[in-house]
Amino acid sequence: MPSIVTDINELDLSQSYTYADYLLWHFKERVELIKGKIFKMSPAPSTRHQQISAKLHLRIGGYFENHYCHAFFAPFDVRLPRKDQNAADQKIHTVVQPDLCVICDESKLDERGCLGAPDLIVEVLSPGNSKTEMHNKFELYQESGVREYWLVEPSQNAVLVYVLDETGKYVGLQPAVEFVQSSIFPELKIDLGKIFS
């Protein structure tokens, strides 16, 4: 029977892992698992990152308060099984913790988080996670069928919005610098002056 791992240095970062392995990791570092590979998350997010995330969560959470969809913020595990595999823990090779996510299909929610693609994911860039968010997660969320993906760029006071088209590919919209408006939830419109101030 596998044992609990309390030190990340006990793991071989060149190996491939599953969600079943992830459940046994009890070390202080926060990690995500992307296609079986371990990605260390940045140390505690910066004050600005936290302020932006909190302001977005208040507005997005408020919008969905009396809605059938639910908003969640990190740390919240989102398990993304491959489309051609079942959802057994030992078959899932990806578990991420987006800054914010919205899930409309309640059957995807359980006590451990979300199993399947959220409808909307919001990631706030930090200096230590830019490559992961910009490349790996973009591809991951596109492949997994996340309908809309917001990439928040604090250094530019902008939000990049990507919407899944009918072919399953993301289409980038004009960068949002004054207001960001959801394509899949058109009434969700946020004044970015209040987010980045």
N, C-alpha and C. Protein backbone atom coordinates (compact mmCIF):
# COMPACT_ATOMS: atom_id res chain seq x y z
N MET A 1 0.85 -1.19 0.00
CA MET A 1 0.00 0.00 0.00
C MET A 1 0.88 1.24 0.00
N PRO A 2 0.58 2.24 -0.86
CA PRO A 2 1.39 3.45 -0.91
C PRO A 2 1.38 4.18 0.43
N SER A 3 2.46 4.87 0.72
CA SER A 3 2.55 5.58 1.99
C SER A 3 2.48 7.09 1.79
N ILE A 4 2.18 7.78 2.86
CA ILE A 4 2.08 9.24 2.84
C ILE A 4 3.48 9.82 2.65
N VAL A 5 3.57 10.86 1.83
CA VAL A 5 4.84 11.55 1.57
C VAL A 5 4.79 12.90 2.27
N THR A 6 5.75 13.13 3.19
CA THR A 6 5.76 14.38 3.96
C THR A 6 6.85 15.35 3.53
N ASP A 7 7.70 14.95 2.60
CA ASP A 7 8.77 15.81 2.11
C ASP A 7 8.81 15.70 0.58
N ILE A 8 8.65 16.83 -0.09
CA ILE A 8 8.61 16.83 -1.56
C ILE A 8 9.90 16.25 -2.15
N ASN A 9 11.00 16.34 -1.42
CA ASN A 9 12.28 15.81 -1.91
C ASN A 9 12.29 14.29 -2.00
N GLU A 10 11.28 13.63 -1.41
CA GLU A 10 11.16 12.17 -1.54
C GLU A 10 10.62 11.77 -2.91
N LEU A 11 10.10 12.74 -3.65
CA LEU A 11 9.52 12.46 -4.96
C LEU A 11 10.54 12.66 -6.07
N ASP A 12 10.42 11.88 -7.10
CA ASP A 12 11.26 12.02 -8.29
C ASP A 12 10.47 12.89 -9.27
N LEU A 13 10.90 14.14 -9.43
CA LEU A 13 10.15 15.08 -10.25
C LEU A 13 10.16 14.73 -11.74
N SER A 14 11.00 13.77 -12.13
CA SER A 14 11.02 13.35 -13.53
C SER A 14 9.97 12.27 -13.80
N GLN A 15 9.38 11.73 -12.74
CA GLN A 15 8.38 10.66 -12.88
C GLN A 15 7.00 11.24 -13.18
N SER A 16 6.09 10.36 -13.57
CA SER A 16 4.70 10.74 -13.82
C SER A 16 3.84 10.24 -12.65
N TYR A 17 2.93 11.10 -12.20
CA TYR A 17 2.10 10.78 -11.03
C TYR A 17 0.62 10.91 -11.38
N THR A 18 -0.21 10.40 -10.46
CA THR A 18 -1.66 10.46 -10.64
C THR A 18 -2.29 11.18 -9.45
N TYR A 19 -3.59 11.41 -9.57
CA TYR A 19 -4.33 12.02 -8.47
C TYR A 19 -4.30 11.13 -7.22
N ALA A 20 -4.26 9.82 -7.41
CA ALA A 20 -4.16 8.90 -6.26
C ALA A 20 -2.85 9.16 -5.50
N ASP A 21 -1.75 9.42 -6.22
CA ASP A 21 -0.49 9.78 -5.58
C ASP A 21 -0.62 11.12 -4.87
N TYR A 22 -1.20 12.09 -5.56
CA TYR A 22 -1.36 13.46 -5.06
C TYR A 22 -2.07 13.47 -3.69
N LEU A 23 -3.03 12.58 -3.53
CA LEU A 23 -3.78 12.52 -2.27
C LEU A 23 -2.90 12.10 -1.09
N LEU A 24 -1.75 11.51 -1.37
CA LEU A 24 -0.84 11.05 -0.31
C LEU A 24 0.25 12.07 0.01
N TRP A 25 0.24 13.21 -0.67
CA TRP A 25 1.29 14.21 -0.45
C TRP A 25 0.87 15.16 0.65
N HIS A 26 1.60 15.13 1.75
CA HIS A 26 1.30 15.96 2.91
C HIS A 26 2.50 16.84 3.26
N PHE A 27 3.04 17.52 2.26
CA PHE A 27 4.16 18.42 2.51
C PHE A 27 3.67 19.85 2.40
N LYS A 28 4.53 20.79 2.85
CA LYS A 28 4.09 22.18 2.93
C LYS A 28 4.00 22.87 1.58
N GLU A 29 4.78 22.44 0.59
CA GLU A 29 4.76 23.06 -0.72
C GLU A 29 3.42 22.79 -1.41
N ARG A 30 2.92 23.82 -2.09
CA ARG A 30 1.72 23.64 -2.89
C ARG A 30 2.15 23.27 -4.31
N VAL A 31 1.52 22.23 -4.84
CA VAL A 31 1.86 21.76 -6.18
C VAL A 31 0.59 21.52 -6.99
N GLU A 32 0.77 21.51 -8.29
CA GLU A 32 -0.28 21.10 -9.20
C GLU A 32 0.30 19.96 -10.02
N LEU A 33 -0.58 19.15 -10.55
CA LEU A 33 -0.18 18.01 -11.36
C LEU A 33 -0.74 18.25 -12.76
N ILE A 34 0.15 18.40 -13.74
CA ILE A 34 -0.29 18.66 -15.11
C ILE A 34 0.24 17.55 -16.00
N LYS A 35 -0.70 16.73 -16.49
CA LYS A 35 -0.37 15.59 -17.34
C LYS A 35 0.68 14.70 -16.67
N GLY A 36 0.52 14.50 -15.37
CA GLY A 36 1.38 13.60 -14.62
C GLY A 36 2.63 14.23 -14.05
N LYS A 37 2.97 15.44 -14.47
CA LYS A 37 4.19 16.10 -14.01
C LYS A 37 3.87 17.09 -12.89
N ILE A 38 4.77 17.14 -11.90
CA ILE A 38 4.60 18.02 -10.76
C ILE A 38 5.08 19.42 -11.11
N PHE A 39 4.23 20.41 -10.83
CA PHE A 39 4.60 21.81 -10.98
C PHE A 39 4.44 22.48 -9.63
N LYS A 40 5.56 22.99 -9.11
CA LYS A 40 5.50 23.70 -7.83
C LYS A 40 4.80 25.04 -8.07
N MET A 41 3.88 25.35 -7.18
CA MET A 41 3.22 26.64 -7.27
C MET A 41 4.13 27.67 -6.62
N SER A 42 3.92 28.94 -6.97
CA SER A 42 4.73 30.01 -6.38
C SER A 42 4.58 29.95 -4.87
N PRO A 43 5.58 30.50 -4.15
CA PRO A 43 5.37 30.65 -2.71
C PRO A 43 4.09 31.47 -2.51
N ALA A 44 3.74 31.76 -1.30
CA ALA A 44 2.50 32.50 -1.04
C ALA A 44 2.38 33.66 -2.02
N PRO A 45 1.22 33.81 -2.65
CA PRO A 45 1.06 34.88 -3.64
C PRO A 45 1.35 36.26 -3.03
N SER A 46 1.80 37.18 -3.88
CA SER A 46 2.11 38.54 -3.42
C SER A 46 0.83 39.23 -2.94
N THR A 47 1.06 40.33 -2.23
CA THR A 47 -0.08 41.11 -1.73
C THR A 47 -0.95 41.58 -2.89
N ARG A 48 -0.33 42.06 -3.96
CA ARG A 48 -1.11 42.55 -5.11
C ARG A 48 -1.91 41.41 -5.74
N HIS A 49 -1.29 40.25 -5.89
CA HIS A 49 -1.98 39.08 -6.43
C HIS A 49 -3.20 38.77 -5.58
N GLN A 50 -3.03 38.76 -4.27
CA GLN A 50 -4.13 38.45 -3.35
C GLN A 50 -5.23 39.51 -3.43
N GLN A 51 -4.84 40.78 -3.52
CA GLN A 51 -5.84 41.86 -3.61
C GLN A 51 -6.68 41.71 -4.88
N ILE A 52 -6.01 41.46 -5.99
CA ILE A 52 -6.72 41.31 -7.27
C ILE A 52 -7.64 40.09 -7.22
N SER A 53 -7.11 38.96 -6.73
CA SER A 53 -7.93 37.74 -6.62
C SER A 53 -9.14 37.97 -5.74
N ALA A 54 -8.93 38.63 -4.60
CA ALA A 54 -10.05 38.87 -3.67
C ALA A 54 -11.11 39.77 -4.29
N LYS A 55 -10.69 40.82 -4.96
CA LYS A 55 -11.67 41.73 -5.59
C LYS A 55 -12.45 41.02 -6.70
N LEU A 56 -11.74 40.20 -7.49
CA LEU A 56 -12.43 39.45 -8.53
C LEU A 56 -13.40 38.44 -7.92
N HIS A 57 -12.95 37.78 -6.86
CA HIS A 57 -13.83 36.78 -6.23
C HIS A 57 -15.09 37.43 -5.68
N LEU A 58 -14.95 38.61 -5.05
CA LEU A 58 -16.13 39.30 -4.52
C LEU A 58 -17.13 39.60 -5.63
N ARG A 59 -16.64 40.09 -6.75
CA ARG A 59 -17.55 40.47 -7.83
C ARG A 59 -18.12 39.24 -8.56
N ILE A 60 -17.26 38.28 -8.84
CA ILE A 60 -17.74 37.08 -9.52
C ILE A 60 -18.64 36.27 -8.58
N GLY A 61 -18.22 36.12 -7.33
CA GLY A 61 -19.04 35.41 -6.35
C GLY A 61 -20.38 36.08 -6.14
N GLY A 62 -20.38 37.42 -6.09
CA GLY A 62 -21.64 38.16 -5.93
C GLY A 62 -22.57 37.95 -7.11
N TYR A 63 -22.00 37.93 -8.32
CA TYR A 63 -22.82 37.72 -9.51
C TYR A 63 -23.50 36.35 -9.47
N PHE A 64 -22.79 35.35 -9.01
CA PHE A 64 -23.34 33.99 -9.02
C PHE A 64 -24.06 33.61 -7.72
N GLU A 65 -24.24 34.57 -6.82
CA GLU A 65 -24.85 34.26 -5.52
C GLU A 65 -26.24 33.65 -5.66
N ASN A 66 -27.08 34.18 -6.52
CA ASN A 66 -28.42 33.65 -6.72
C ASN A 66 -28.56 33.00 -8.10
N HIS A 67 -27.56 32.26 -8.47
CA HIS A 67 -27.45 31.68 -9.81
C HIS A 67 -27.29 30.17 -9.63
N TYR A 68 -27.53 29.43 -10.68
CA TYR A 68 -27.35 27.97 -10.58
C TYR A 68 -25.88 27.56 -10.66
N CYS A 69 -25.01 28.47 -11.07
CA CYS A 69 -23.58 28.18 -11.12
C CYS A 69 -22.93 28.54 -9.78
N HIS A 70 -21.76 27.98 -9.52
CA HIS A 70 -21.06 28.20 -8.26
C HIS A 70 -19.65 28.69 -8.53
N ALA A 71 -19.20 29.69 -7.76
CA ALA A 71 -17.85 30.22 -7.88
C ALA A 71 -17.00 29.70 -6.73
N PHE A 72 -15.75 29.33 -7.05
CA PHE A 72 -14.80 28.82 -6.05
C PHE A 72 -13.46 29.52 -6.24
N PHE A 73 -12.70 29.61 -5.15
CA PHE A 73 -11.37 30.21 -5.25
C PHE A 73 -10.34 29.30 -4.60
N ALA A 74 -9.07 29.50 -4.99
CA ALA A 74 -7.97 28.65 -4.52
C ALA A 74 -7.79 28.78 -3.00
N PRO A 75 -7.36 27.69 -2.36
CA PRO A 75 -7.07 26.37 -2.94
C PRO A 75 -8.34 25.54 -3.12
N PHE A 76 -8.57 25.07 -4.32
CA PHE A 76 -9.74 24.26 -4.67
C PHE A 76 -9.29 23.36 -5.81
N ASP A 77 -9.29 22.05 -5.57
CA ASP A 77 -8.78 21.11 -6.56
C ASP A 77 -9.75 20.92 -7.72
N VAL A 78 -9.22 21.07 -8.92
CA VAL A 78 -9.96 20.78 -10.14
C VAL A 78 -9.24 19.63 -10.82
N ARG A 79 -9.91 18.47 -10.87
CA ARG A 79 -9.35 17.27 -11.51
C ARG A 79 -9.83 17.22 -12.95
N LEU A 80 -8.87 17.07 -13.85
CA LEU A 80 -9.21 17.07 -15.27
C LEU A 80 -8.79 15.75 -15.91
N PRO A 81 -9.69 14.75 -15.90
CA PRO A 81 -9.36 13.48 -16.55
C PRO A 81 -9.33 13.67 -18.06
N ARG A 82 -8.53 12.84 -18.72
CA ARG A 82 -8.53 12.86 -20.18
C ARG A 82 -9.90 12.40 -20.67
N LYS A 83 -10.29 12.92 -21.80
CA LYS A 83 -11.63 12.61 -22.33
C LYS A 83 -11.80 11.13 -22.64
N ASP A 84 -10.70 10.43 -22.92
CA ASP A 84 -10.81 9.03 -23.30
C ASP A 84 -10.58 8.08 -22.12
N GLN A 85 -10.52 8.61 -20.89
CA GLN A 85 -10.29 7.76 -19.73
C GLN A 85 -11.38 7.95 -18.69
N ASN A 86 -11.49 6.94 -17.81
CA ASN A 86 -12.47 7.08 -16.73
C ASN A 86 -11.90 7.99 -15.65
N ALA A 87 -12.71 8.27 -14.64
CA ALA A 87 -12.34 9.26 -13.63
C ALA A 87 -11.82 8.62 -12.34
N ALA A 88 -11.31 7.41 -12.40
CA ALA A 88 -10.72 6.80 -11.21
C ALA A 88 -9.48 7.59 -10.81
N ASP A 89 -9.25 7.71 -9.49
CA ASP A 89 -8.12 8.51 -8.99
C ASP A 89 -6.80 8.13 -9.64
N GLN A 90 -6.57 6.83 -9.84
CA GLN A 90 -5.30 6.38 -10.40
C GLN A 90 -5.20 6.60 -11.91
N LYS A 91 -6.29 7.05 -12.54
CA LYS A 91 -6.28 7.34 -13.98
C LYS A 91 -6.20 8.84 -14.26
N ILE A 92 -6.38 9.66 -13.24
CA ILE A 92 -6.34 11.12 -13.43
C ILE A 92 -4.91 11.59 -13.25
N HIS A 93 -4.38 12.29 -14.26
CA HIS A 93 -3.00 12.77 -14.23
C HIS A 93 -2.90 14.29 -14.12
N THR A 94 -4.05 14.95 -13.95
CA THR A 94 -4.03 16.42 -13.84
C THR A 94 -4.96 16.88 -12.73
N VAL A 95 -4.38 17.68 -11.84
CA VAL A 95 -5.17 18.37 -10.81
C VAL A 95 -4.55 19.75 -10.62
N VAL A 96 -5.37 20.78 -10.82
CA VAL A 96 -4.89 22.16 -10.74
C VAL A 96 -5.71 22.92 -9.70
N GLN A 97 -5.19 24.07 -9.30
CA GLN A 97 -5.87 24.94 -8.35
C GLN A 97 -5.95 26.34 -8.93
N PRO A 98 -6.93 26.59 -9.80
CA PRO A 98 -7.06 27.93 -10.39
C PRO A 98 -7.34 28.97 -9.30
N ASP A 99 -6.97 30.22 -9.58
CA ASP A 99 -7.28 31.29 -8.63
C ASP A 99 -8.78 31.38 -8.41
N LEU A 100 -9.55 31.29 -9.50
CA LEU A 100 -11.01 31.32 -9.42
C LEU A 100 -11.56 30.39 -10.49
N CYS A 101 -12.70 29.79 -10.20
CA CYS A 101 -13.38 29.02 -11.24
C CYS A 101 -14.88 29.01 -10.98
N VAL A 102 -15.62 28.83 -12.05
CA VAL A 102 -17.09 28.79 -11.99
C VAL A 102 -17.53 27.47 -12.59
N ILE A 103 -18.37 26.77 -11.84
CA ILE A 103 -18.88 25.47 -12.28
C ILE A 103 -20.41 25.52 -12.29
N CYS A 104 -20.98 25.19 -13.44
CA CYS A 104 -22.45 25.22 -13.57
C CYS A 104 -23.07 23.84 -13.48
N ASP A 105 -22.32 22.80 -13.74
CA ASP A 105 -22.83 21.43 -13.69
C ASP A 105 -22.54 20.85 -12.30
N GLU A 106 -23.56 20.82 -11.45
CA GLU A 106 -23.37 20.37 -10.06
C GLU A 106 -22.89 18.93 -9.97
N SER A 107 -23.12 18.13 -11.00
CA SER A 107 -22.66 16.74 -10.96
C SER A 107 -21.13 16.65 -10.98
N LYS A 108 -20.45 17.74 -11.34
CA LYS A 108 -18.99 17.76 -11.34
C LYS A 108 -18.41 18.04 -9.95
N LEU A 109 -19.26 18.46 -9.00
CA LEU A 109 -18.79 18.84 -7.67
C LEU A 109 -18.90 17.68 -6.70
N ASP A 110 -17.86 17.50 -5.88
CA ASP A 110 -17.90 16.53 -4.80
C ASP A 110 -17.10 17.10 -3.63
N GLU A 111 -16.93 16.33 -2.59
CA GLU A 111 -16.25 16.82 -1.40
C GLU A 111 -14.78 17.14 -1.64
N ARG A 112 -14.21 16.63 -2.72
CA ARG A 112 -12.79 16.86 -3.00
C ARG A 112 -12.56 17.99 -3.99
N GLY A 113 -13.62 18.59 -4.49
CA GLY A 113 -13.48 19.69 -5.44
C GLY A 113 -14.32 19.48 -6.67
N CYS A 114 -13.70 19.67 -7.83
CA CYS A 114 -14.40 19.56 -9.11
C CYS A 114 -13.77 18.46 -9.94
N LEU A 115 -14.61 17.64 -10.55
CA LEU A 115 -14.15 16.58 -11.45
C LEU A 115 -14.69 16.90 -12.84
N GLY A 116 -13.82 17.43 -13.68
CA GLY A 116 -14.23 17.85 -15.01
C GLY A 116 -13.98 19.33 -15.20
N ALA A 117 -14.18 19.78 -16.42
CA ALA A 117 -13.84 21.16 -16.78
C ALA A 117 -14.84 22.16 -16.21
N PRO A 118 -14.35 23.18 -15.47
CA PRO A 118 -15.22 24.29 -15.09
C PRO A 118 -15.67 25.05 -16.33
N ASP A 119 -16.69 25.86 -16.18
CA ASP A 119 -17.17 26.68 -17.30
C ASP A 119 -16.26 27.89 -17.51
N LEU A 120 -15.79 28.48 -16.41
CA LEU A 120 -14.92 29.66 -16.47
C LEU A 120 -13.78 29.46 -15.48
N ILE A 121 -12.57 29.76 -15.92
CA ILE A 121 -11.39 29.74 -15.04
C ILE A 121 -10.71 31.10 -15.16
N VAL A 122 -10.30 31.62 -14.00
CA VAL A 122 -9.56 32.88 -13.92
C VAL A 122 -8.22 32.58 -13.25
N GLU A 123 -7.14 32.93 -13.92
CA GLU A 123 -5.79 32.78 -13.36
C GLU A 123 -5.14 34.16 -13.33
N VAL A 124 -4.57 34.51 -12.17
CA VAL A 124 -3.86 35.78 -12.01
C VAL A 124 -2.37 35.48 -12.12
N LEU A 125 -1.71 36.12 -13.06
CA LEU A 125 -0.28 35.88 -13.27
C LEU A 125 0.55 36.41 -12.11
N SER A 126 1.57 35.65 -11.76
CA SER A 126 2.60 36.06 -10.81
C SER A 126 3.93 35.86 -11.52
N PRO A 127 4.98 36.58 -11.09
CA PRO A 127 6.27 36.40 -11.76
C PRO A 127 6.72 34.95 -11.80
N GLY A 128 6.42 34.16 -10.77
CA GLY A 128 6.88 32.78 -10.73
C GLY A 128 6.03 31.79 -11.49
N ASN A 129 4.82 32.19 -11.93
CA ASN A 129 3.95 31.21 -12.58
C ASN A 129 3.57 31.58 -14.01
N SER A 130 4.16 32.63 -14.55
CA SER A 130 3.74 33.12 -15.86
C SER A 130 3.84 32.07 -16.95
N LYS A 131 4.95 31.31 -17.00
CA LYS A 131 5.13 30.33 -18.06
C LYS A 131 4.07 29.23 -17.98
N THR A 132 3.81 28.77 -16.75
CA THR A 132 2.82 27.72 -16.57
C THR A 132 1.45 28.19 -17.03
N GLU A 133 1.05 29.40 -16.60
CA GLU A 133 -0.28 29.90 -16.96
C GLU A 133 -0.37 30.20 -18.46
N MET A 134 0.68 30.80 -19.00
CA MET A 134 0.61 31.26 -20.38
C MET A 134 0.66 30.11 -21.38
N HIS A 135 1.36 29.07 -21.07
CA HIS A 135 1.52 27.99 -22.05
C HIS A 135 0.82 26.71 -21.61
N ASN A 136 1.31 26.11 -20.54
CA ASN A 136 0.80 24.79 -20.14
C ASN A 136 -0.69 24.82 -19.82
N LYS A 137 -1.11 25.79 -19.02
CA LYS A 137 -2.52 25.80 -18.63
C LYS A 137 -3.42 26.23 -19.78
N PHE A 138 -2.94 27.13 -20.63
CA PHE A 138 -3.73 27.51 -21.80
C PHE A 138 -4.08 26.25 -22.60
N GLU A 139 -3.06 25.45 -22.91
CA GLU A 139 -3.31 24.22 -23.67
C GLU A 139 -4.17 23.24 -22.91
N LEU A 140 -3.89 23.10 -21.62
CA LEU A 140 -4.64 22.17 -20.78
C LEU A 140 -6.13 22.54 -20.73
N TYR A 141 -6.41 23.81 -20.47
CA TYR A 141 -7.80 24.24 -20.36
C TYR A 141 -8.52 24.13 -21.70
N GLN A 142 -7.81 24.41 -22.77
CA GLN A 142 -8.41 24.27 -24.10
C GLN A 142 -8.75 22.80 -24.37
N GLU A 143 -7.80 21.90 -24.13
CA GLU A 143 -8.02 20.46 -24.36
C GLU A 143 -9.15 19.92 -23.48
N SER A 144 -9.25 20.44 -22.26
CA SER A 144 -10.22 19.93 -21.30
C SER A 144 -11.63 20.46 -21.53
N GLY A 145 -11.75 21.51 -22.35
CA GLY A 145 -13.07 22.04 -22.66
C GLY A 145 -13.55 23.12 -21.71
N VAL A 146 -12.63 23.85 -21.06
CA VAL A 146 -13.02 25.00 -20.25
C VAL A 146 -13.55 26.05 -21.21
N ARG A 147 -14.81 26.42 -21.06
CA ARG A 147 -15.48 27.25 -22.06
C ARG A 147 -14.91 28.66 -22.16
N GLU A 148 -14.43 29.21 -21.04
CA GLU A 148 -13.87 30.56 -21.06
C GLU A 148 -12.73 30.63 -20.05
N TYR A 149 -11.64 31.29 -20.44
CA TYR A 149 -10.43 31.37 -19.63
C TYR A 149 -9.98 32.82 -19.58
N TRP A 150 -9.88 33.37 -18.36
CA TRP A 150 -9.38 34.73 -18.18
C TRP A 150 -7.97 34.65 -17.63
N LEU A 151 -7.05 35.35 -18.27
CA LEU A 151 -5.67 35.44 -17.81
C LEU A 151 -5.45 36.89 -17.38
N VAL A 152 -5.30 37.09 -16.08
CA VAL A 152 -5.19 38.43 -15.52
C VAL A 152 -3.72 38.81 -15.46
N GLU A 153 -3.38 39.94 -16.06
CA GLU A 153 -1.99 40.41 -16.14
C GLU A 153 -1.84 41.67 -15.28
N PRO A 154 -1.47 41.51 -13.99
CA PRO A 154 -1.39 42.66 -13.08
C PRO A 154 -0.40 43.74 -13.53
N SER A 155 0.71 43.34 -14.14
CA SER A 155 1.71 44.35 -14.52
C SER A 155 1.21 45.25 -15.65
N GLN A 156 0.22 44.77 -16.41
CA GLN A 156 -0.35 45.55 -17.51
C GLN A 156 -1.75 46.09 -17.19
N ASN A 157 -2.27 45.75 -15.99
CA ASN A 157 -3.65 46.13 -15.63
C ASN A 157 -4.62 45.71 -16.73
N ALA A 158 -4.49 44.46 -17.16
CA ALA A 158 -5.30 43.97 -18.27
C ALA A 158 -5.74 42.53 -18.02
N VAL A 159 -6.81 42.14 -18.71
CA VAL A 159 -7.28 40.76 -18.66
C VAL A 159 -7.39 40.26 -20.10
N LEU A 160 -6.76 39.10 -20.35
CA LEU A 160 -6.87 38.44 -21.65
C LEU A 160 -7.97 37.40 -21.53
N VAL A 161 -8.95 37.46 -22.43
CA VAL A 161 -10.10 36.56 -22.39
C VAL A 161 -10.03 35.63 -23.59
N TYR A 162 -10.13 34.33 -23.31
CA TYR A 162 -10.14 33.32 -24.35
C TYR A 162 -11.44 32.55 -24.26
N VAL A 163 -12.10 32.37 -25.41
CA VAL A 163 -13.39 31.69 -25.46
C VAL A 163 -13.27 30.50 -26.40
N LEU A 164 -13.77 29.34 -25.95
CA LEU A 164 -13.71 28.13 -26.76
C LEU A 164 -14.70 28.24 -27.92
N ASP A 165 -14.20 28.01 -29.14
CA ASP A 165 -15.11 28.06 -30.29
C ASP A 165 -15.67 26.67 -30.59
N GLU A 166 -16.45 26.57 -31.65
CA GLU A 166 -17.11 25.30 -31.97
C GLU A 166 -16.14 24.20 -32.38
N THR A 167 -14.89 24.56 -32.71
CA THR A 167 -13.89 23.55 -33.08
C THR A 167 -13.10 23.08 -31.86
N GLY A 168 -13.37 23.66 -30.67
CA GLY A 168 -12.63 23.28 -29.48
C GLY A 168 -11.32 24.02 -29.30
N LYS A 169 -11.16 25.14 -30.02
CA LYS A 169 -9.94 25.96 -29.91
C LYS A 169 -10.30 27.31 -29.28
N TYR A 170 -9.34 27.85 -28.53
CA TYR A 170 -9.56 29.16 -27.93
C TYR A 170 -9.41 30.27 -28.95
N VAL A 171 -10.31 31.23 -28.87
CA VAL A 171 -10.24 32.46 -29.65
C VAL A 171 -9.99 33.58 -28.65
N GLY A 172 -8.91 34.33 -28.87
CA GLY A 172 -8.58 35.45 -27.98
C GLY A 172 -9.36 36.69 -28.36
N LEU A 173 -9.94 37.35 -27.36
CA LEU A 173 -10.65 38.60 -27.59
C LEU A 173 -9.70 39.76 -27.38
N GLN A 174 -10.15 40.95 -27.71
CA GLN A 174 -9.32 42.14 -27.49
C GLN A 174 -9.01 42.25 -26.00
N PRO A 175 -7.75 42.55 -25.63
CA PRO A 175 -7.43 42.66 -24.21
C PRO A 175 -8.36 43.64 -23.50
N ALA A 176 -8.83 43.25 -22.34
CA ALA A 176 -9.73 44.09 -21.55
C ALA A 176 -8.89 44.98 -20.63
N VAL A 177 -9.07 46.30 -20.75
CA VAL A 177 -8.30 47.22 -19.91
C VAL A 177 -9.20 48.15 -19.09
N GLU A 178 -10.44 48.32 -19.49
CA GLU A 178 -11.37 49.16 -18.71
C GLU A 178 -12.42 48.30 -18.02
N PHE A 179 -13.07 47.43 -18.79
CA PHE A 179 -14.06 46.50 -18.27
C PHE A 179 -13.75 45.13 -18.84
N VAL A 180 -14.01 44.09 -18.06
CA VAL A 180 -13.93 42.74 -18.61
C VAL A 180 -15.35 42.17 -18.55
N GLN A 181 -15.78 41.61 -19.67
CA GLN A 181 -17.12 41.05 -19.77
C GLN A 181 -17.03 39.61 -20.23
N SER A 182 -17.75 38.75 -19.55
CA SER A 182 -17.76 37.34 -19.92
C SER A 182 -18.56 37.14 -21.20
N SER A 183 -18.05 36.27 -22.06
CA SER A 183 -18.79 35.91 -23.28
C SER A 183 -19.89 34.90 -22.97
N ILE A 184 -19.62 33.97 -22.03
CA ILE A 184 -20.61 32.94 -21.75
C ILE A 184 -21.62 33.37 -20.69
N PHE A 185 -21.27 34.40 -19.91
CA PHE A 185 -22.19 35.01 -18.94
C PHE A 185 -22.23 36.50 -19.24
N PRO A 186 -22.94 36.93 -20.28
CA PRO A 186 -22.87 38.31 -20.77
C PRO A 186 -23.20 39.39 -19.74
N GLU A 187 -23.97 39.04 -18.71
CA GLU A 187 -24.32 40.04 -17.70
C GLU A 187 -23.20 40.22 -16.68
N LEU A 188 -22.19 39.38 -16.72
CA LEU A 188 -21.04 39.50 -15.82
C LEU A 188 -20.05 40.47 -16.46
N LYS A 189 -20.06 41.69 -15.97
CA LYS A 189 -19.19 42.76 -16.47
C LYS A 189 -18.53 43.42 -15.26
N ILE A 190 -17.21 43.52 -15.28
CA ILE A 190 -16.46 44.00 -14.12
C ILE A 190 -15.63 45.21 -14.51
N ASP A 191 -15.72 46.26 -13.70
CA ASP A 191 -14.93 47.48 -13.86
C ASP A 191 -13.51 47.19 -13.40
N LEU A 192 -12.56 47.16 -14.32
CA LEU A 192 -11.19 46.81 -13.97
C LEU A 192 -10.48 47.92 -13.20
N GLY A 193 -10.98 49.13 -13.29
CA GLY A 193 -10.42 50.21 -12.48
C GLY A 193 -10.53 49.89 -11.00
N LYS A 194 -11.61 49.21 -10.62
CA LYS A 194 -11.81 48.84 -9.22
C LYS A 194 -11.04 47.58 -8.84
N ILE A 195 -10.66 46.80 -9.83
CA ILE A 195 -9.90 45.57 -9.56
C ILE A 195 -8.41 45.88 -9.40
N PHE A 196 -7.88 46.74 -10.25
CA PHE A 196 -6.44 47.01 -10.25
C PHE A 196 -6.04 48.20 -9.38
N SER A 197 -7.00 48.87 -8.75
CA SER A 197 -6.67 50.06 -7.94
C SER A 197 -6.09 49.66 -6.60
